[in-house]
Amino acid sequence: MNGAEHSWYAVATKPRQEDLVCKVFDLFNIEYFLPKISVPKSPSIPGSSDSAVKPMFPGYLFVDVVPDTAEWARVNYSPGVKGVVSFGGIPARVPHEVVSWLRERTMRDGTPDASRPFTEGDMVVIRRGPLKGLAAIFKGYVSDSGRVKLLMELLRRCTEVEARVDEIEKIEWGGQGC
């Protein structure tokens, strides 16, 4: 395989070795992403508030590497790694958009970001403030300030406005946005 550009690939790890592999990749400065989720520690106890953070895809993580390089060899031969996921002997690329989508929904450590429940394109209604009761399209977060960007039709124009994240609520919408 000869390609000179970075791509994302899924790496299969040995059972429960994801964190070890991440430490090894840190030593080699290999870019990786290990998405995680919060799961109840006691699923048999409904309403249990104790939770543990575990890999979203047990036994897998993502790396951004160039095939057939020293970095590629380090990935494949690192402790805890089974190998790069391949089909018919050809490593399977993971689209950049998939990794970006997962990263947008997680914090820096890979755990889900409950403080960011909205995604671009969601229809929302403003529940408080001067624009109360108006519908808008969610555009994005304004860093970690607790504010969001919305698109709404004002004066027959699609206008970008800002609101606090706690002032909006997701809604189902069958109509057209601006």
C-alpha atoms as a PDB file:
ATOM      1  CA  MET A   1       0.000   0.000   0.000  1.00  0.00           C
ATOM      2  CA  ASN A   2       1.474   3.345  -0.873  1.00  0.00           C
ATOM      3  CA  GLY A   3      -0.285   6.457   0.265  1.00  0.00           C
ATOM      4  CA  ALA A   4       1.397   9.488   1.650  1.00  0.00           C
ATOM      5  CA  GLU A   5      -1.481  11.022   3.522  1.00  0.00           C
ATOM      6  CA  HIS A   6      -2.789  10.540   7.023  1.00  0.00           C
ATOM      7  CA  SER A   7      -6.022   8.591   7.403  1.00  0.00           C
ATOM      8  CA  TRP A   8      -7.956   7.263  10.348  1.00  0.00           C
ATOM      9  CA  TYR A   9      -7.959   3.521  10.950  1.00  0.00           C
ATOM     10  CA  ALA A  10      -9.560   1.293  13.573  1.00  0.00           C
ATOM     11  CA  VAL A  11      -7.086  -0.645  15.697  1.00  0.00           C
ATOM     12  CA  ALA A  12      -8.137  -3.880  17.396  1.00  0.00           C
ATOM     13  CA  THR A  13      -6.683  -4.280  20.875  1.00  0.00           C
ATOM     14  CA  LYS A  14      -6.325  -7.242  23.156  1.00  0.00           C
ATOM     15  CA  PRO A  15      -9.138  -7.509  25.751  1.00  0.00           C
ATOM     16  CA  ARG A  16      -9.224  -4.521  28.141  1.00  0.00           C
ATOM     17  CA  GLN A  17      -5.913  -3.171  26.813  1.00  0.00           C
ATOM     18  CA  GLU A  18      -7.215   0.069  25.277  1.00  0.00           C
ATOM     19  CA  ASP A  19      -5.713   2.331  27.975  1.00  0.00           C
ATOM     20  CA  LEU A  20      -2.321   0.588  27.773  1.00  0.00           C
ATOM     21  CA  VAL A  21      -2.293   1.047  23.996  1.00  0.00           C
ATOM     22  CA  CYS A  22      -3.125   4.748  24.428  1.00  0.00           C
ATOM     23  CA  LYS A  23      -0.149   5.178  26.792  1.00  0.00           C
ATOM     24  CA  VAL A  24       2.154   3.508  24.272  1.00  0.00           C
ATOM     25  CA  PHE A  25       0.802   5.702  21.467  1.00  0.00           C
ATOM     26  CA  ASP A  26       1.410   8.754  23.674  1.00  0.00           C
ATOM     27  CA  LEU A  27       5.074   7.709  24.008  1.00  0.00           C
ATOM     28  CA  PHE A  28       5.404   7.531  20.216  1.00  0.00           C
ATOM     29  CA  ASN A  29       3.355  10.720  19.608  1.00  0.00           C
ATOM     30  CA  ILE A  30       0.815   8.761  17.566  1.00  0.00           C
ATOM     31  CA  GLU A  31      -2.513  10.551  17.248  1.00  0.00           C
ATOM     32  CA  TYR A  32      -5.345   8.347  18.494  1.00  0.00           C
ATOM     33  CA  PHE A  33      -8.917   8.641  19.677  1.00  0.00           C
ATOM     34  CA  LEU A  34     -10.580   6.344  22.215  1.00  0.00           C
ATOM     35  CA  PRO A  35     -14.250   7.310  22.595  1.00  0.00           C
ATOM     36  CA  LYS A  36     -15.764   6.319  25.926  1.00  0.00           C
ATOM     37  CA  ILE A  37     -19.209   6.116  27.478  1.00  0.00           C
ATOM     38  CA  SER A  38     -20.517   6.217  31.012  1.00  0.00           C
ATOM     39  CA  VAL A  39     -22.299   3.000  31.970  1.00  0.00           C
ATOM     40  CA  PRO A  40     -24.037   2.069  35.251  1.00  0.00           C
ATOM     41  CA  LYS A  41     -21.818  -0.009  37.545  1.00  0.00           C
ATOM     42  CA  SER A  42     -24.823  -2.012  38.682  1.00  0.00           C
ATOM     43  CA  PRO A  43     -27.160  -2.508  35.723  1.00  0.00           C
ATOM     44  CA  SER A  44     -29.292  -4.819  37.874  1.00  0.00           C
ATOM     45  CA  ILE A  45     -30.150  -1.937  40.216  1.00  0.00           C
ATOM     46  CA  PRO A  46     -32.487   0.448  38.386  1.00  0.00           C
ATOM     47  CA  GLY A  47     -31.715   4.097  39.060  1.00  0.00           C
ATOM     48  CA  SER A  48     -28.233   3.345  40.365  1.00  0.00           C
ATOM     49  CA  SER A  49     -26.222   6.553  40.186  1.00  0.00           C
ATOM     50  CA  ASP A  50     -22.837   4.827  40.274  1.00  0.00           C
ATOM     51  CA  SER A  51     -21.296   4.686  36.838  1.00  0.00           C
ATOM     52  CA  ALA A  52     -18.059   3.654  35.200  1.00  0.00           C
ATOM     53  CA  VAL A  53     -16.429   5.072  32.087  1.00  0.00           C
ATOM     54  CA  LYS A  54     -15.714   2.374  29.515  1.00  0.00           C
ATOM     55  CA  PRO A  55     -14.671   2.297  25.857  1.00  0.00           C
ATOM     56  CA  MET A  56     -17.571   2.978  23.496  1.00  0.00           C
ATOM     57  CA  PHE A  57     -16.217   0.243  21.215  1.00  0.00           C
ATOM     58  CA  PRO A  58     -14.569  -2.332  23.517  1.00  0.00           C
ATOM     59  CA  GLY A  59     -11.398  -3.687  21.967  1.00  0.00           C
ATOM     60  CA  TYR A  60     -11.035  -0.859  19.431  1.00  0.00           C
ATOM     61  CA  LEU A  61      -9.675   2.651  19.106  1.00  0.00           C
ATOM     62  CA  PHE A  62      -8.853   4.941  16.191  1.00  0.00           C
ATOM     63  CA  VAL A  63      -5.434   6.103  14.954  1.00  0.00           C
ATOM     64  CA  ASP A  64      -4.463   8.751  12.417  1.00  0.00           C
ATOM     65  CA  VAL A  65      -1.401   7.440  10.579  1.00  0.00           C
ATOM     66  CA  VAL A  66       0.228   7.089   7.177  1.00  0.00           C
ATOM     67  CA  PRO A  67       0.386   3.461   5.986  1.00  0.00           C
ATOM     68  CA  ASP A  68       3.752   1.803   5.316  1.00  0.00           C
ATOM     69  CA  THR A  69       5.738   4.112   7.585  1.00  0.00           C
ATOM     70  CA  ALA A  70       7.659   3.603  10.820  1.00  0.00           C
ATOM     71  CA  GLU A  71       4.626   5.015  12.621  1.00  0.00           C
ATOM     72  CA  TRP A  72       2.428   2.371  10.956  1.00  0.00           C
ATOM     73  CA  ALA A  73       4.773  -0.374  12.171  1.00  0.00           C
ATOM     74  CA  ARG A  74       4.701   1.069  15.723  1.00  0.00           C
ATOM     75  CA  VAL A  75       0.905   0.912  15.684  1.00  0.00           C
ATOM     76  CA  ASN A  76       0.816  -2.693  14.522  1.00  0.00           C
ATOM     77  CA  TYR A  77       3.518  -3.932  16.898  1.00  0.00           C
ATOM     78  CA  SER A  78       2.691  -1.991  20.054  1.00  0.00           C
ATOM     79  CA  PRO A  79       1.977  -3.939  23.237  1.00  0.00           C
ATOM     80  CA  GLY A  80      -1.739  -4.637  23.563  1.00  0.00           C
ATOM     81  CA  VAL A  81      -2.464  -4.273  19.830  1.00  0.00           C
ATOM     82  CA  LYS A  82      -3.883  -7.132  17.763  1.00  0.00           C
ATOM     83  CA  GLY A  83      -3.619  -5.141  14.533  1.00  0.00           C
ATOM     84  CA  VAL A  84      -5.249  -2.615  12.260  1.00  0.00           C
ATOM     85  CA  VAL A  85      -8.741  -3.682  11.179  1.00  0.00           C
ATOM     86  CA  SER A  86      -8.451  -4.979   7.607  1.00  0.00           C
ATOM     87  CA  PHE A  87     -10.706  -6.591   5.050  1.00  0.00           C
ATOM     88  CA  GLY A  88      -9.129  -8.925   2.516  1.00  0.00           C
ATOM     89  CA  GLY A  89      -5.717  -7.839   3.761  1.00  0.00           C
ATOM     90  CA  ILE A  90      -6.449  -4.171   3.039  1.00  0.00           C
ATOM     91  CA  PRO A  91      -6.568  -1.824   6.062  1.00  0.00           C
ATOM     92  CA  ALA A  92     -10.013  -0.262   6.317  1.00  0.00           C
ATOM     93  CA  ARG A  93     -10.003   3.527   6.481  1.00  0.00           C
ATOM     94  CA  VAL A  94     -12.431   5.220   8.835  1.00  0.00           C
ATOM     95  CA  PRO A  95     -13.855   8.391   7.267  1.00  0.00           C
ATOM     96  CA  HIS A  96     -12.577  11.568   8.919  1.00  0.00           C
ATOM     97  CA  GLU A  97     -16.215  12.686   9.272  1.00  0.00           C
ATOM     98  CA  VAL A  98     -16.996   9.680  11.488  1.00  0.00           C
ATOM     99  CA  VAL A  99     -14.141  10.460  13.878  1.00  0.00           C
ATOM    100  CA  SER A 100     -15.036  14.167  13.839  1.00  0.00           C
ATOM    101  CA  TRP A 101     -18.680  13.348  14.603  1.00  0.00           C
ATOM    102  CA  LEU A 102     -17.639  11.209  17.579  1.00  0.00           C
ATOM    103  CA  ARG A 103     -15.167  13.832  18.803  1.00  0.00           C
ATOM    104  CA  GLU A 104     -17.809  16.574  18.670  1.00  0.00           C
ATOM    105  CA  ARG A 105     -19.911  14.569  21.094  1.00  0.00           C
ATOM    106  CA  THR A 106     -17.168  13.770  23.584  1.00  0.00           C
ATOM    107  CA  MET A 107     -14.880  15.662  25.925  1.00  0.00           C
ATOM    108  CA  ARG A 108     -11.078  15.740  25.596  1.00  0.00           C
ATOM    109  CA  ASP A 109     -10.725  12.474  27.513  1.00  0.00           C
ATOM    110  CA  GLY A 110     -13.141  10.722  25.121  1.00  0.00           C
ATOM    111  CA  THR A 111     -16.121  10.555  27.503  1.00  0.00           C
ATOM    112  CA  PRO A 112     -19.556  11.752  26.375  1.00  0.00           C
ATOM    113  CA  ASP A 113     -20.151  15.429  26.929  1.00  0.00           C
ATOM    114  CA  ALA A 114     -23.567  15.640  28.572  1.00  0.00           C
ATOM    115  CA  SER A 115     -23.258  19.417  28.565  1.00  0.00           C
ATOM    116  CA  ARG A 116     -23.471  19.364  24.743  1.00  0.00           C
ATOM    117  CA  PRO A 117     -26.768  17.653  23.978  1.00  0.00           C
ATOM    118  CA  PHE A 118     -27.405  19.461  20.674  1.00  0.00           C
ATOM    119  CA  THR A 119     -25.940  18.838  17.243  1.00  0.00           C
ATOM    120  CA  GLU A 120     -25.813  21.113  14.226  1.00  0.00           C
ATOM    121  CA  GLY A 121     -29.148  21.163  12.409  1.00  0.00           C
ATOM    122  CA  ASP A 122     -31.307  20.302  15.446  1.00  0.00           C
ATOM    123  CA  MET A 123     -34.561  22.240  15.613  1.00  0.00           C
ATOM    124  CA  VAL A 124     -34.924  23.999  18.949  1.00  0.00           C
ATOM    125  CA  VAL A 125     -37.332  26.335  20.661  1.00  0.00           C
ATOM    126  CA  ILE A 126     -36.211  29.115  22.938  1.00  0.00           C
ATOM    127  CA  ARG A 127     -37.869  28.604  26.342  1.00  0.00           C
ATOM    128  CA  ARG A 128     -36.616  31.705  28.185  1.00  0.00           C
ATOM    129  CA  GLY A 129     -35.275  35.156  27.499  1.00  0.00           C
ATOM    130  CA  PRO A 130     -36.294  37.840  25.038  1.00  0.00           C
ATOM    131  CA  LEU A 131     -36.804  35.356  22.165  1.00  0.00           C
ATOM    132  CA  LYS A 132     -39.006  33.009  24.208  1.00  0.00           C
ATOM    133  CA  GLY A 133     -41.287  30.803  22.104  1.00  0.00           C
ATOM    134  CA  LEU A 134     -39.411  31.239  18.824  1.00  0.00           C
ATOM    135  CA  ALA A 135     -38.076  28.264  16.877  1.00  0.00           C
ATOM    136  CA  ALA A 136     -34.516  28.147  15.567  1.00  0.00           C
ATOM    137  CA  ILE A 137     -31.957  25.842  14.018  1.00  0.00           C
ATOM    138  CA  PHE A 138     -29.027  24.884  16.256  1.00  0.00           C
ATOM    139  CA  LYS A 139     -25.739  25.941  14.618  1.00  0.00           C
ATOM    140  CA  GLY A 140     -23.101  25.243  17.265  1.00  0.00           C
ATOM    141  CA  TYR A 141     -21.542  25.930  20.625  1.00  0.00           C
ATOM    142  CA  VAL A 142     -19.619  29.103  21.447  1.00  0.00           C
ATOM    143  CA  SER A 143     -16.568  27.390  22.991  1.00  0.00           C
ATOM    144  CA  ASP A 144     -17.250  26.353  26.585  1.00  0.00           C
ATOM    145  CA  SER A 145     -19.022  29.575  27.526  1.00  0.00           C
ATOM    146  CA  GLY A 146     -22.465  27.998  27.924  1.00  0.00           C
ATOM    147  CA  ARG A 147     -23.706  29.954  24.916  1.00  0.00           C
ATOM    148  CA  VAL A 148     -24.885  28.594  21.570  1.00  0.00           C
ATOM    149  CA  LYS A 149     -25.339  29.916  18.044  1.00  0.00           C
ATOM    150  CA  LEU A 150     -28.771  29.601  16.474  1.00  0.00           C
ATOM    151  CA  LEU A 151     -30.190  30.439  13.064  1.00  0.00           C
ATOM    152  CA  MET A 152     -33.666  31.937  13.012  1.00  0.00           C
ATOM    153  CA  GLU A 153     -35.844  33.847  10.645  1.00  0.00           C
ATOM    154  CA  LEU A 154     -36.084  37.461  11.745  1.00  0.00           C
ATOM    155  CA  LEU A 155     -37.404  40.222   9.511  1.00  0.00           C
ATOM    156  CA  ARG A 156     -37.618  37.791   6.575  1.00  0.00           C
ATOM    157  CA  ARG A 157     -33.907  37.000   6.842  1.00  0.00           C
ATOM    158  CA  CYS A 158     -32.015  34.058   8.217  1.00  0.00           C
ATOM    159  CA  THR A 159     -30.147  35.600  11.136  1.00  0.00           C
ATOM    160  CA  GLU A 160     -27.547  34.161  13.474  1.00  0.00           C
ATOM    161  CA  VAL A 161     -28.293  34.802  17.154  1.00  0.00           C
ATOM    162  CA  GLU A 162     -26.780  33.629  20.415  1.00  0.00           C
ATOM    163  CA  ALA A 163     -28.561  32.249  23.463  1.00  0.00           C
ATOM    164  CA  ARG A 164     -27.637  30.374  26.616  1.00  0.00           C
ATOM    165  CA  VAL A 165     -27.695  26.601  26.238  1.00  0.00           C
ATOM    166  CA  ASP A 166     -30.084  26.291  29.196  1.00  0.00           C
ATOM    167  CA  GLU A 167     -32.617  28.536  27.415  1.00  0.00           C
ATOM    168  CA  ILE A 168     -33.245  26.166  24.490  1.00  0.00           C
ATOM    169  CA  GLU A 169     -34.952  22.822  24.061  1.00  0.00           C
ATOM    170  CA  LYS A 170     -34.869  20.359  21.173  1.00  0.00           C
ATOM    171  CA  ILE A 171     -38.148  19.947  19.285  1.00  0.00           C
ATOM    172  CA  GLU A 172     -39.485  17.809  16.463  1.00  0.00           C
ATOM    173  CA  TRP A 173     -40.178  19.972  13.463  1.00  0.00           C
ATOM    174  CA  GLY A 174     -41.841  19.101  10.195  1.00  0.00           C
ATOM    175  CA  GLY A 175     -41.525  22.551   8.639  1.00  0.00           C
ATOM    176  CA  GLN A 176     -38.771  24.383   6.834  1.00  0.00           C
ATOM    177  CA  GLY A 177     -36.095  26.310   8.664  1.00  0.00           C
ATOM    178  CA  CYS A 178     -34.466  29.485   7.336  1.00  0.00           C
END
